[in-house]
PDB file of N, CA and C in Angstrom:
ATOM      1  N   UNK A   1      19.398 -18.600  18.284  1.00  0.00           N
ATOM      2  CA  UNK A   1      18.015 -18.971  18.203  1.00  0.00           C
ATOM      3  C   UNK A   1      17.854 -19.656  19.554  1.00  0.00           C
ATOM      4  N   UNK A   2      18.791 -20.399  20.188  1.00  0.00           N
ATOM      5  CA  UNK A   2      18.813 -21.162  21.421  1.00  0.00           C
ATOM      6  C   UNK A   2      18.705 -20.276  22.620  1.00  0.00           C
ATOM      7  N   UNK A   3      19.417 -18.969  22.433  1.00  0.00           N
ATOM      8  CA  UNK A   3      19.215 -17.963  23.675  1.00  0.00           C
ATOM      9  C   UNK A   3      17.755 -17.671  23.769  1.00  0.00           C
ATOM     10  N   UNK A   4      16.972 -17.416  22.675  1.00  0.00           N
ATOM     11  CA  UNK A   4      15.493 -17.152  22.671  1.00  0.00           C
ATOM     12  C   UNK A   4      14.778 -18.226  23.380  1.00  0.00           C
ATOM     13  N   UNK A   5      15.098 -19.381  23.030  1.00  0.00           N
ATOM     14  CA  UNK A   5      14.345 -20.540  23.692  1.00  0.00           C
ATOM     15  C   UNK A   5      14.510 -20.514  25.361  1.00  0.00           C
ATOM     16  N   UNK A   6      15.799 -20.311  25.699  1.00  0.00           N
ATOM     17  CA  UNK A   6      16.154 -20.519  27.042  1.00  0.00           C
ATOM     18  C   UNK A   6      15.472 -19.305  27.739  1.00  0.00           C
ATOM     19  N   UNK A   7      15.514 -18.051  27.162  1.00  0.00           N
ATOM     20  CA  UNK A   7      14.897 -16.910  27.767  1.00  0.00           C
ATOM     21  C   UNK A   7      13.488 -17.167  27.921  1.00  0.00           C
ATOM     22  N   UNK A   8      12.731 -17.657  26.938  1.00  0.00           N
ATOM     23  CA  UNK A   8      11.384 -18.019  27.058  1.00  0.00           C
ATOM     24  C   UNK A   8      11.007 -18.945  28.113  1.00  0.00           C
ATOM     25  N   UNK A   9      11.724 -19.982  28.478  1.00  0.00           N
ATOM     26  CA  UNK A   9      11.525 -20.880  29.494  1.00  0.00           C
ATOM     27  C   UNK A   9      11.792 -20.120  30.879  1.00  0.00           C
ATOM     28  N   UNK A  10      12.794 -19.332  31.022  1.00  0.00           N
ATOM     29  CA  UNK A  10      12.976 -18.534  32.195  1.00  0.00           C
ATOM     30  C   UNK A  10      11.993 -17.581  32.426  1.00  0.00           C
ATOM     31  N   UNK A  11      11.271 -17.076  31.366  1.00  0.00           N
ATOM     32  CA  UNK A  11      10.172 -15.961  31.494  1.00  0.00           C
ATOM     33  C   UNK A  11       9.167 -16.647  32.025  1.00  0.00           C
ATOM     34  N   UNK A  12       8.846 -17.773  31.621  1.00  0.00           N
ATOM     35  CA  UNK A  12       7.541 -18.407  32.086  1.00  0.00           C
ATOM     36  C   UNK A  12       7.572 -19.182  33.337  1.00  0.00           C
ATOM     37  N   UNK A  13       8.876 -19.586  33.736  1.00  0.00           N
ATOM     38  CA  UNK A  13       8.844 -20.432  35.001  1.00  0.00           C
ATOM     39  C   UNK A  13       8.442 -19.623  36.282  1.00  0.00           C
ATOM     40  N   UNK A  14       8.791 -18.377  36.429  1.00  0.00           N
ATOM     41  CA  UNK A  14       8.426 -17.617  37.743  1.00  0.00           C
ATOM     42  C   UNK A  14       6.949 -17.581  37.699  1.00  0.00           C
ATOM     43  N   UNK A  15       6.238 -17.148  36.582  1.00  0.00           N
ATOM     44  CA  UNK A  15       4.800 -17.207  36.713  1.00  0.00           C
ATOM     45  C   UNK A  15       4.101 -18.410  36.824  1.00  0.00           C
ATOM     46  N   UNK A  16       4.739 -19.417  36.210  1.00  0.00           N
ATOM     47  CA  UNK A  16       4.158 -20.687  36.722  1.00  0.00           C
ATOM     48  C   UNK A  16       4.262 -21.132  38.004  1.00  0.00           C
ATOM     49  N   UNK A  17       5.364 -20.937  38.451  1.00  0.00           N
ATOM     50  CA  UNK A  17       5.702 -21.152  39.971  1.00  0.00           C
ATOM     51  C   UNK A  17       4.769 -20.423  40.835  1.00  0.00           C
ATOM     52  N   UNK A  18       4.539 -19.138  40.495  1.00  0.00           N
ATOM     53  CA  UNK A  18       3.611 -18.325  41.325  1.00  0.00           C
ATOM     54  C   UNK A  18       2.127 -18.876  41.217  1.00  0.00           C
ATOM     55  N   UNK A  19       1.773 -19.254  39.986  1.00  0.00           N
ATOM     56  CA  UNK A  19       0.436 -19.796  39.904  1.00  0.00           C
ATOM     57  C   UNK A  19       0.250 -21.092  40.526  1.00  0.00           C
ATOM     58  N   UNK A  20       1.132 -21.927  40.407  1.00  0.00           N
ATOM     59  CA  UNK A  20       0.819 -23.372  41.114  1.00  0.00           C
ATOM     60  C   UNK A  20       1.073 -23.065  42.542  1.00  0.00           C
ATOM     61  N   UNK A  21       1.891 -22.241  43.187  1.00  0.00           N
ATOM     62  CA  UNK A  21       1.970 -21.934  44.547  1.00  0.00           C
ATOM     63  C   UNK A  21       0.646 -21.462  45.123  1.00  0.00           C
ATOM     64  N   UNK A  22      -0.002 -20.535  44.326  1.00  0.00           N
ATOM     65  CA  UNK A  22      -1.311 -20.031  44.783  1.00  0.00           C
ATOM     66  C   UNK A  22      -2.361 -21.071  44.664  1.00  0.00           C
ATOM     67  N   UNK A  23      -2.442 -21.903  43.666  1.00  0.00           N
ATOM     68  CA  UNK A  23      -3.354 -22.940  43.406  1.00  0.00           C
ATOM     69  C   UNK A  23      -3.336 -24.038  44.626  1.00  0.00           C
ATOM     70  N   UNK A  24      -2.052 -24.425  44.891  1.00  0.00           N
ATOM     71  CA  UNK A  24      -1.917 -25.596  45.725  1.00  0.00           C
ATOM     72  C   UNK A  24      -2.192 -24.936  47.205  1.00  0.00           C
ATOM     73  N   UNK A  25      -1.808 -23.696  47.509  1.00  0.00           N
ATOM     74  CA  UNK A  25      -2.137 -23.132  48.862  1.00  0.00           C
ATOM     75  C   UNK A  25      -3.695 -22.964  48.853  1.00  0.00           C
ATOM     76  N   UNK A  26      -4.205 -22.559  47.889  1.00  0.00           N
ATOM     77  CA  UNK A  26      -5.588 -22.464  47.894  1.00  0.00           C
ATOM     78  C   UNK A  26      -6.352 -23.805  48.215  1.00  0.00           C
ATOM     79  N   UNK A  27      -5.837 -24.775  47.542  1.00  0.00           N
ATOM     80  CA  UNK A  27      -6.400 -26.207  47.863  1.00  0.00           C
ATOM     81  C   UNK A  27      -6.248 -26.457  49.249  1.00  0.00           C
ATOM     82  N   UNK A  28      -5.141 -26.231  49.976  1.00  0.00           N
ATOM     83  CA  UNK A  28      -4.933 -26.575  51.211  1.00  0.00           C
ATOM     84  C   UNK A  28      -5.880 -25.780  52.140  1.00  0.00           C
ATOM     85  N   UNK A  29      -6.060 -24.569  51.888  1.00  0.00           N
ATOM     86  CA  UNK A  29      -7.206 -23.780  52.585  1.00  0.00           C
ATOM     87  C   UNK A  29      -8.496 -24.348  52.320  1.00  0.00           C
ATOM     88  N   UNK A  30      -8.887 -24.713  51.385  1.00  0.00           N
ATOM     89  CA  UNK A  30     -10.150 -25.325  51.082  1.00  0.00           C
ATOM     90  C   UNK A  30     -10.341 -26.569  51.848  1.00  0.00           C
ATOM     91  N   UNK A  31      -9.242 -27.476  51.695  1.00  0.00           N
ATOM     92  CA  UNK A  31      -9.224 -28.839  52.453  1.00  0.00           C
ATOM     93  C   UNK A  31      -9.402 -28.374  54.102  1.00  0.00           C
ATOM     94  N   UNK A  32      -8.809 -27.362  54.514  1.00  0.00           N
ATOM     95  CA  UNK A  32      -8.804 -26.978  56.052  1.00  0.00           C
ATOM     96  C   UNK A  32     -10.323 -26.623  56.403  1.00  0.00           C
ATOM     97  N   UNK A  33     -10.912 -26.016  55.423  1.00  0.00           N
ATOM     98  CA  UNK A  33     -12.319 -25.588  55.823  1.00  0.00           C
ATOM     99  C   UNK A  33     -13.148 -26.821  55.612  1.00  0.00           C
ATOM    100  N   UNK A  34     -13.068 -27.816  54.662  1.00  0.00           N
ATOM    101  CA  UNK A  34     -13.764 -28.928  54.493  1.00  0.00           C
ATOM    102  C   UNK A  34     -13.745 -29.889  55.615  1.00  0.00           C
ATOM    103  N   UNK A  35     -12.467 -30.029  56.131  1.00  0.00           N
ATOM    104  CA  UNK A  35     -12.178 -31.023  57.130  1.00  0.00           C
ATOM    105  C   UNK A  35     -11.524 -30.369  58.318  1.00  0.00           C
ATOM    106  N   UNK A  36     -12.330 -29.604  59.124  1.00  0.00           N
ATOM    107  CA  UNK A  36     -11.543 -28.703  60.094  1.00  0.00           C
ATOM    108  C   UNK A  36     -11.036 -29.371  61.205  1.00  0.00           C
ATOM    109  N   UNK A  37     -11.513 -30.672  61.482  1.00  0.00           N
ATOM    110  CA  UNK A  37     -10.904 -31.422  62.678  1.00  0.00           C
ATOM    111  C   UNK A  37      -9.654 -32.224  62.265  1.00  0.00           C
ATOM    112  N   UNK A  38      -9.226 -32.188  61.026  1.00  0.00           N
ATOM    113  CA  UNK A  38      -8.008 -32.972  60.557  1.00  0.00           C
ATOM    114  C   UNK A  38      -6.752 -32.087  60.674  1.00  0.00           C
ATOM    115  N   UNK A  39      -6.172 -32.229  61.748  1.00  0.00           N
ATOM    116  CA  UNK A  39      -4.889 -31.430  61.918  1.00  0.00           C
ATOM    117  C   UNK A  39      -3.853 -31.861  60.833  1.00  0.00           C
ATOM    118  N   UNK A  40      -3.819 -33.012  60.395  1.00  0.00           N
ATOM    119  CA  UNK A  40      -2.776 -33.444  59.491  1.00  0.00           C
ATOM    120  C   UNK A  40      -2.873 -32.475  58.052  1.00  0.00           C
ATOM    121  N   UNK A  41      -4.000 -31.951  57.831  1.00  0.00           N
ATOM    122  CA  UNK A  41      -4.019 -30.944  56.598  1.00  0.00           C
ATOM    123  C   UNK A  41      -3.421 -29.663  57.070  1.00  0.00           C
ATOM    124  N   UNK A  42      -3.573 -29.277  58.315  1.00  0.00           N
ATOM    125  CA  UNK A  42      -2.825 -27.922  58.858  1.00  0.00           C
ATOM    126  C   UNK A  42      -1.345 -28.261  58.753  1.00  0.00           C
ATOM    127  N   UNK A  43      -0.885 -29.370  59.245  1.00  0.00           N
ATOM    128  CA  UNK A  43       0.560 -29.565  59.241  1.00  0.00           C
ATOM    129  C   UNK A  43       1.033 -29.730  57.782  1.00  0.00           C
ATOM    130  N   UNK A  44       0.308 -30.620  57.133  1.00  0.00           N
ATOM    131  CA  UNK A  44       0.764 -30.554  55.507  1.00  0.00           C
ATOM    132  C   UNK A  44       0.752 -29.082  54.913  1.00  0.00           C
ATOM    133  N   UNK A  45      -0.187 -28.360  55.145  1.00  0.00           N
ATOM    134  CA  UNK A  45      -0.197 -26.949  54.639  1.00  0.00           C
ATOM    135  C   UNK A  45       0.900 -26.135  55.111  1.00  0.00           C
ATOM    136  N   UNK A  46       1.257 -26.334  56.364  1.00  0.00           N
ATOM    137  CA  UNK A  46       2.453 -25.537  56.941  1.00  0.00           C
ATOM    138  C   UNK A  46       3.720 -26.033  56.197  1.00  0.00           C
ATOM    139  N   UNK A  47       3.835 -27.363  55.980  1.00  0.00           N
ATOM    140  CA  UNK A  47       5.019 -27.792  55.287  1.00  0.00           C
ATOM    141  C   UNK A  47       5.192 -27.311  53.920  1.00  0.00           C
ATOM    142  N   UNK A  48       3.941 -27.227  53.354  1.00  0.00           N
ATOM    143  CA  UNK A  48       3.924 -26.719  51.892  1.00  0.00           C
ATOM    144  C   UNK A  48       4.294 -25.136  51.810  1.00  0.00           C
ATOM    145  N   UNK A  49       3.725 -24.471  52.883  1.00  0.00           N
ATOM    146  CA  UNK A  49       4.123 -23.051  52.782  1.00  0.00           C
ATOM    147  C   UNK A  49       5.618 -22.891  52.981  1.00  0.00           C
ATOM    148  N   UNK A  50       6.193 -23.631  53.862  1.00  0.00           N
ATOM    149  CA  UNK A  50       7.712 -23.461  54.003  1.00  0.00           C
ATOM    150  C   UNK A  50       8.404 -23.981  52.681  1.00  0.00           C
ATOM    151  N   UNK A  51       7.888 -25.031  51.899  1.00  0.00           N
ATOM    152  CA  UNK A  51       8.524 -25.324  50.872  1.00  0.00           C
ATOM    153  C   UNK A  51       8.486 -24.461  49.704  1.00  0.00           C
ATOM    154  N   UNK A  52       7.169 -23.913  49.674  1.00  0.00           N
ATOM    155  CA  UNK A  52       6.888 -22.938  48.643  1.00  0.00           C
ATOM    156  C   UNK A  52       7.645 -21.609  48.836  1.00  0.00           C
ATOM    157  N   UNK A  53       7.917 -21.314  50.060  1.00  0.00           N
ATOM    158  CA  UNK A  53       8.683 -19.949  50.463  1.00  0.00           C
ATOM    159  C   UNK A  53      10.011 -20.195  49.883  1.00  0.00           C
ATOM    160  N   UNK A  54      10.595 -21.558  50.272  1.00  0.00           N
ATOM    161  CA  UNK A  54      11.912 -21.757  49.826  1.00  0.00           C
ATOM    162  C   UNK A  54      12.096 -21.658  48.343  1.00  0.00           C
ATOM    163  N   UNK A  55      11.184 -22.267  47.528  1.00  0.00           N
ATOM    164  CA  UNK A  55      11.348 -22.426  46.086  1.00  0.00           C
ATOM    165  C   UNK A  55      11.175 -21.034  45.431  1.00  0.00           C
ATOM    166  N   UNK A  56      10.083 -20.307  46.070  1.00  0.00           N
ATOM    167  CA  UNK A  56       9.915 -18.872  45.521  1.00  0.00           C
ATOM    168  C   UNK A  56      10.921 -17.968  45.839  1.00  0.00           C
ATOM    169  N   UNK A  57      11.631 -18.339  46.946  1.00  0.00           N
ATOM    170  CA  UNK A  57      12.794 -17.387  47.418  1.00  0.00           C
ATOM    171  C   UNK A  57      13.981 -17.733  46.463  1.00  0.00           C
ATOM    172  N   UNK A  58      14.177 -19.002  46.100  1.00  0.00           N
ATOM    173  CA  UNK A  58      15.333 -19.242  45.100  1.00  0.00           C
ATOM    174  C   UNK A  58      15.043 -18.696  43.710  1.00  0.00           C
ATOM    175  N   UNK A  59      13.702 -18.663  43.197  1.00  0.00           N
ATOM    176  CA  UNK A  59      13.484 -18.148  42.068  1.00  0.00           C
ATOM    177  C   UNK A  59      13.570 -16.718  41.977  1.00  0.00           C
ATOM    178  N   UNK A  60      13.189 -15.974  43.176  1.00  0.00           N
ATOM    179  CA  UNK A  60      13.229 -14.641  43.301  1.00  0.00           C
ATOM    180  C   UNK A  60      14.859 -14.319  43.303  1.00  0.00           C
ATOM    181  N   UNK A  61      15.700 -14.971  43.998  1.00  0.00           N
ATOM    182  CA  UNK A  61      17.136 -14.664  44.093  1.00  0.00           C
ATOM    183  C   UNK A  61      17.723 -14.729  42.663  1.00  0.00           C
ATOM    184  N   UNK A  62      17.264 -15.790  41.827  1.00  0.00           N
ATOM    185  CA  UNK A  62      17.861 -15.906  40.413  1.00  0.00           C
ATOM    186  C   UNK A  62      17.367 -14.810  39.614  1.00  0.00           C
ATOM    187  N   UNK A  63      16.118 -14.302  39.784  1.00  0.00           N
ATOM    188  CA  UNK A  63      15.597 -13.192  39.005  1.00  0.00           C
ATOM    189  C   UNK A  63      16.278 -11.870  39.473  1.00  0.00           C
ATOM    190  N   UNK A  64      16.728 -11.811  40.609  1.00  0.00           N
ATOM    191  CA  UNK A  64      17.425 -10.686  41.178  1.00  0.00           C
ATOM    192  C   UNK A  64      18.940 -10.660  40.329  1.00  0.00           C
ATOM    193  N   UNK A  65      19.444 -11.850  40.360  1.00  0.00           N
ATOM    194  CA  UNK A  65      20.642 -11.968  39.621  1.00  0.00           C
ATOM    195  C   UNK A  65      20.625 -11.685  38.182  1.00  0.00           C
ATOM    196  N   UNK A  66      19.249 -12.068  37.546  1.00  0.00           N
ATOM    197  CA  UNK A  66      19.094 -11.573  36.092  1.00  0.00           C
ATOM    198  C   UNK A  66      18.953 -10.060  35.904  1.00  0.00           C
ATOM    199  N   UNK A  67      18.504  -9.500  36.939  1.00  0.00           N
ATOM    200  CA  UNK A  67      18.472  -7.913  36.859  1.00  0.00           C
ATOM    201  C   UNK A  67      19.738  -7.319  36.847  1.00  0.00           C
ATOM    202  N   UNK A  68      20.753  -7.845  37.553  1.00  0.00           N
ATOM    203  CA  UNK A  68      22.127  -7.352  37.647  1.00  0.00           C
ATOM    204  C   UNK A  68      22.639  -7.674  36.243  1.00  0.00           C
ATOM    205  N   UNK A  69      22.604  -8.905  35.664  1.00  0.00           N
ATOM    206  CA  UNK A  69      23.230  -9.179  34.574  1.00  0.00           C
ATOM    207  C   UNK A  69      22.498  -8.917  33.154  1.00  0.00           C
ATOM    208  N   UNK A  70      21.308  -8.583  33.391  1.00  0.00           N
ATOM    209  CA  UNK A  70      20.437  -8.249  32.046  1.00  0.00           C
ATOM    210  C   UNK A  70      19.804  -6.933  32.395  1.00  0.00           C
ATOM    211  N   UNK A  71      20.488  -5.889  32.584  1.00  0.00           N
ATOM    212  CA  UNK A  71      19.832  -4.612  33.184  1.00  0.00           C
ATOM    213  C   UNK A  71      18.858  -4.146  31.942  1.00  0.00           C
ATOM    214  N   UNK A  72      19.057  -4.455  30.654  1.00  0.00           N
ATOM    215  CA  UNK A  72      18.213  -3.925  29.752  1.00  0.00           C
ATOM    216  C   UNK A  72      16.659  -4.579  29.919  1.00  0.00           C
ATOM    217  N   UNK A  73      16.743  -5.777  30.432  1.00  0.00           N
ATOM    218  CA  UNK A  73      15.486  -6.403  30.570  1.00  0.00           C
ATOM    219  C   UNK A  73      14.859  -6.306  32.124  1.00  0.00           C
ATOM    220  N   UNK A  74      15.227  -5.194  32.797  1.00  0.00           N
ATOM    221  CA  UNK A  74      14.907  -5.177  34.016  1.00  0.00           C
ATOM    222  C   UNK A  74      13.453  -5.072  34.451  1.00  0.00           C
ATOM    223  N   UNK A  75      12.603  -4.330  33.400  1.00  0.00           N
ATOM    224  CA  UNK A  75      11.307  -4.090  33.630  1.00  0.00           C
ATOM    225  C   UNK A  75      10.498  -5.484  33.584  1.00  0.00           C
ATOM    226  N   UNK A  76      10.859  -6.240  32.500  1.00  0.00           N
ATOM    227  CA  UNK A  76      10.180  -7.510  32.449  1.00  0.00           C
ATOM    228  C   UNK A  76      10.601  -8.449  33.708  1.00  0.00           C
ATOM    229  N   UNK A  77      11.739  -8.453  34.016  1.00  0.00           N
ATOM    230  CA  UNK A  77      12.237  -9.179  35.111  1.00  0.00           C
ATOM    231  C   UNK A  77      11.509  -8.706  36.538  1.00  0.00           C
ATOM    232  N   UNK A  78      11.487  -7.375  36.600  1.00  0.00           N
ATOM    233  CA  UNK A  78      10.917  -6.775  37.814  1.00  0.00           C
ATOM    234  C   UNK A  78       9.392  -7.266  37.958  1.00  0.00           C
ATOM    235  N   UNK A  79       8.694  -7.434  36.875  1.00  0.00           N
ATOM    236  CA  UNK A  79       7.273  -7.673  36.764  1.00  0.00           C
ATOM    237  C   UNK A  79       7.188  -9.170  37.278  1.00  0.00           C
ATOM    238  N   UNK A  80       8.291 -10.079  36.767  1.00  0.00           N
ATOM    239  CA  UNK A  80       8.110 -11.438  37.235  1.00  0.00           C
ATOM    240  C   UNK A  80       8.249 -11.592  38.778  1.00  0.00           C
ATOM    241  N   UNK A  81       9.263 -10.575  39.337  1.00  0.00           N
ATOM    242  CA  UNK A  81       9.526 -10.719  40.569  1.00  0.00           C
ATOM    243  C   UNK A  81       8.319 -10.159  41.418  1.00  0.00           C
ATOM    244  N   UNK A  82       7.509  -9.117  40.848  1.00  0.00           N
ATOM    245  CA  UNK A  82       6.252  -8.795  41.513  1.00  0.00           C
ATOM    246  C   UNK A  82       5.228  -9.967  41.515  1.00  0.00           C
ATOM    247  N   UNK A  83       5.140 -10.589  40.512  1.00  0.00           N
ATOM    248  CA  UNK A  83       4.161 -11.937  40.391  1.00  0.00           C
ATOM    249  C   UNK A  83       4.570 -12.713  41.598  1.00  0.00           C
ATOM    250  N   UNK A  84       5.767 -13.073  41.714  1.00  0.00           N
ATOM    251  CA  UNK A  84       6.184 -13.990  42.721  1.00  0.00           C
ATOM    252  C   UNK A  84       5.840 -13.427  44.309  1.00  0.00           C
ATOM    253  N   UNK A  85       6.094 -12.156  44.433  1.00  0.00           N
ATOM    254  CA  UNK A  85       5.838 -11.401  45.721  1.00  0.00           C
ATOM    255  C   UNK A  85       4.360 -11.372  45.955  1.00  0.00           C
ATOM    256  N   UNK A  86       3.613 -11.470  44.937  1.00  0.00           N
ATOM    257  CA  UNK A  86       2.151 -11.295  45.296  1.00  0.00           C
ATOM    258  C   UNK A  86       1.616 -12.473  46.182  1.00  0.00           C
ATOM    259  N   UNK A  87       2.223 -13.544  46.107  1.00  0.00           N
ATOM    260  CA  UNK A  87       1.830 -14.735  47.026  1.00  0.00           C
ATOM    261  C   UNK A  87       2.000 -14.507  48.494  1.00  0.00           C
ATOM    262  N   UNK A  88       2.869 -13.560  48.771  1.00  0.00           N
ATOM    263  CA  UNK A  88       3.223 -13.338  50.123  1.00  0.00           C
ATOM    264  C   UNK A  88       1.853 -12.813  50.921  1.00  0.00           C
ATOM    265  N   UNK A  89       1.154 -11.698  50.579  1.00  0.00           N
ATOM    266  CA  UNK A  89       0.114 -11.271  51.224  1.00  0.00           C
ATOM    267  C   UNK A  89      -1.112 -12.216  51.051  1.00  0.00           C
ATOM    268  N   UNK A  90      -0.997 -13.063  49.991  1.00  0.00           N
ATOM    269  CA  UNK A  90      -2.130 -14.012  49.971  1.00  0.00           C
ATOM    270  C   UNK A  90      -2.131 -15.071  50.916  1.00  0.00           C
ATOM    271  N   UNK A  91      -0.712 -15.537  51.141  1.00  0.00           N
ATOM    272  CA  UNK A  91      -0.483 -16.577  52.096  1.00  0.00           C
ATOM    273  C   UNK A  91      -0.790 -15.907  53.569  1.00  0.00           C
ATOM    274  N   UNK A  92      -0.491 -14.699  53.864  1.00  0.00           N
ATOM    275  CA  UNK A  92      -0.748 -14.017  55.028  1.00  0.00           C
ATOM    276  C   UNK A  92      -2.384 -13.865  55.281  1.00  0.00           C
ATOM    277  N   UNK A  93      -3.005 -13.531  54.166  1.00  0.00           N
ATOM    278  CA  UNK A  93      -4.428 -13.546  54.322  1.00  0.00           C
ATOM    279  C   UNK A  93      -4.983 -15.005  54.697  1.00  0.00           C
ATOM    280  N   UNK A  94      -4.582 -15.950  53.891  1.00  0.00           N
ATOM    281  CA  UNK A  94      -5.002 -17.332  54.308  1.00  0.00           C
ATOM    282  C   UNK A  94      -4.623 -17.754  55.680  1.00  0.00           C
ATOM    283  N   UNK A  95      -3.683 -17.219  56.277  1.00  0.00           N
ATOM    284  CA  UNK A  95      -3.266 -17.705  57.639  1.00  0.00           C
ATOM    285  C   UNK A  95      -4.402 -16.798  58.609  1.00  0.00           C
ATOM    286  N   UNK A  96      -4.549 -15.642  58.234  1.00  0.00           N
ATOM    287  CA  UNK A  96      -5.483 -14.807  59.159  1.00  0.00           C
ATOM    288  C   UNK A  96      -6.833 -15.417  58.939  1.00  0.00           C
ATOM    289  N   UNK A  97      -7.226 -15.962  57.891  1.00  0.00           N
ATOM    290  CA  UNK A  97      -8.643 -16.536  57.868  1.00  0.00           C
ATOM    291  C   UNK A  97      -8.643 -17.805  58.535  1.00  0.00           C
ATOM    292  N   UNK A  98      -7.519 -18.610  58.517  1.00  0.00           N
ATOM    293  CA  UNK A  98      -7.609 -19.884  59.191  1.00  0.00           C
ATOM    294  C   UNK A  98      -7.516 -19.633  60.709  1.00  0.00           C
ATOM    295  N   UNK A  99      -6.758 -18.715  61.066  1.00  0.00           N
ATOM    296  CA  UNK A  99      -6.890 -18.433  62.643  1.00  0.00           C
ATOM    297  C   UNK A  99      -8.353 -17.901  63.180  1.00  0.00           C
ATOM    298  N   UNK A 100      -8.858 -17.043  62.317  1.00  0.00           N
ATOM    299  CA  UNK A 100     -10.153 -16.759  62.628  1.00  0.00           C
ATOM    300  C   UNK A 100     -11.157 -17.965  62.564  1.00  0.00           C
ATOM    301  N   UNK A 101     -10.997 -18.848  61.506  1.00  0.00           N
ATOM    302  CA  UNK A 101     -12.031 -19.856  61.420  1.00  0.00           C
ATOM    303  C   UNK A 101     -11.776 -20.855  62.584  1.00  0.00           C
ATOM    304  N   UNK A 102     -10.554 -21.067  63.138  1.00  0.00           N
ATOM    305  CA  UNK A 102     -10.341 -22.076  64.107  1.00  0.00           C
ATOM    306  C   UNK A 102     -10.720 -21.567  65.496  1.00  0.00           C
ATOM    307  N   UNK A 103     -10.931 -20.302  65.725  1.00  0.00           N
ATOM    308  CA  UNK A 103     -11.441 -19.723  66.929  1.00  0.00           C
ATOM    309  C   UNK A 103     -12.735 -19.649  67.109  1.00  0.00           C
TER     310      UNK A 103
END
């Protein structure tokens, strides 16, 4: 029974990490629009993006290892990996929007 509980926690964590990364990144974008002259927001947002990239990268690497050791659950793990990877184009879009907004 303990293995099921551990598996459930690992199953929810990547999705939660992706969700909170998206939410906090969106908050920084909103703050950048609301306070366009505050460069501290842009610097904080950049630091956040680097931190989120690091944390999501570690989580992705752990999921990749899980695929190797839990081949039978590869489809579920691959789906979690795709959820994490979905934040990359969103971050790129946010960067593009900010560059266009600042010009």
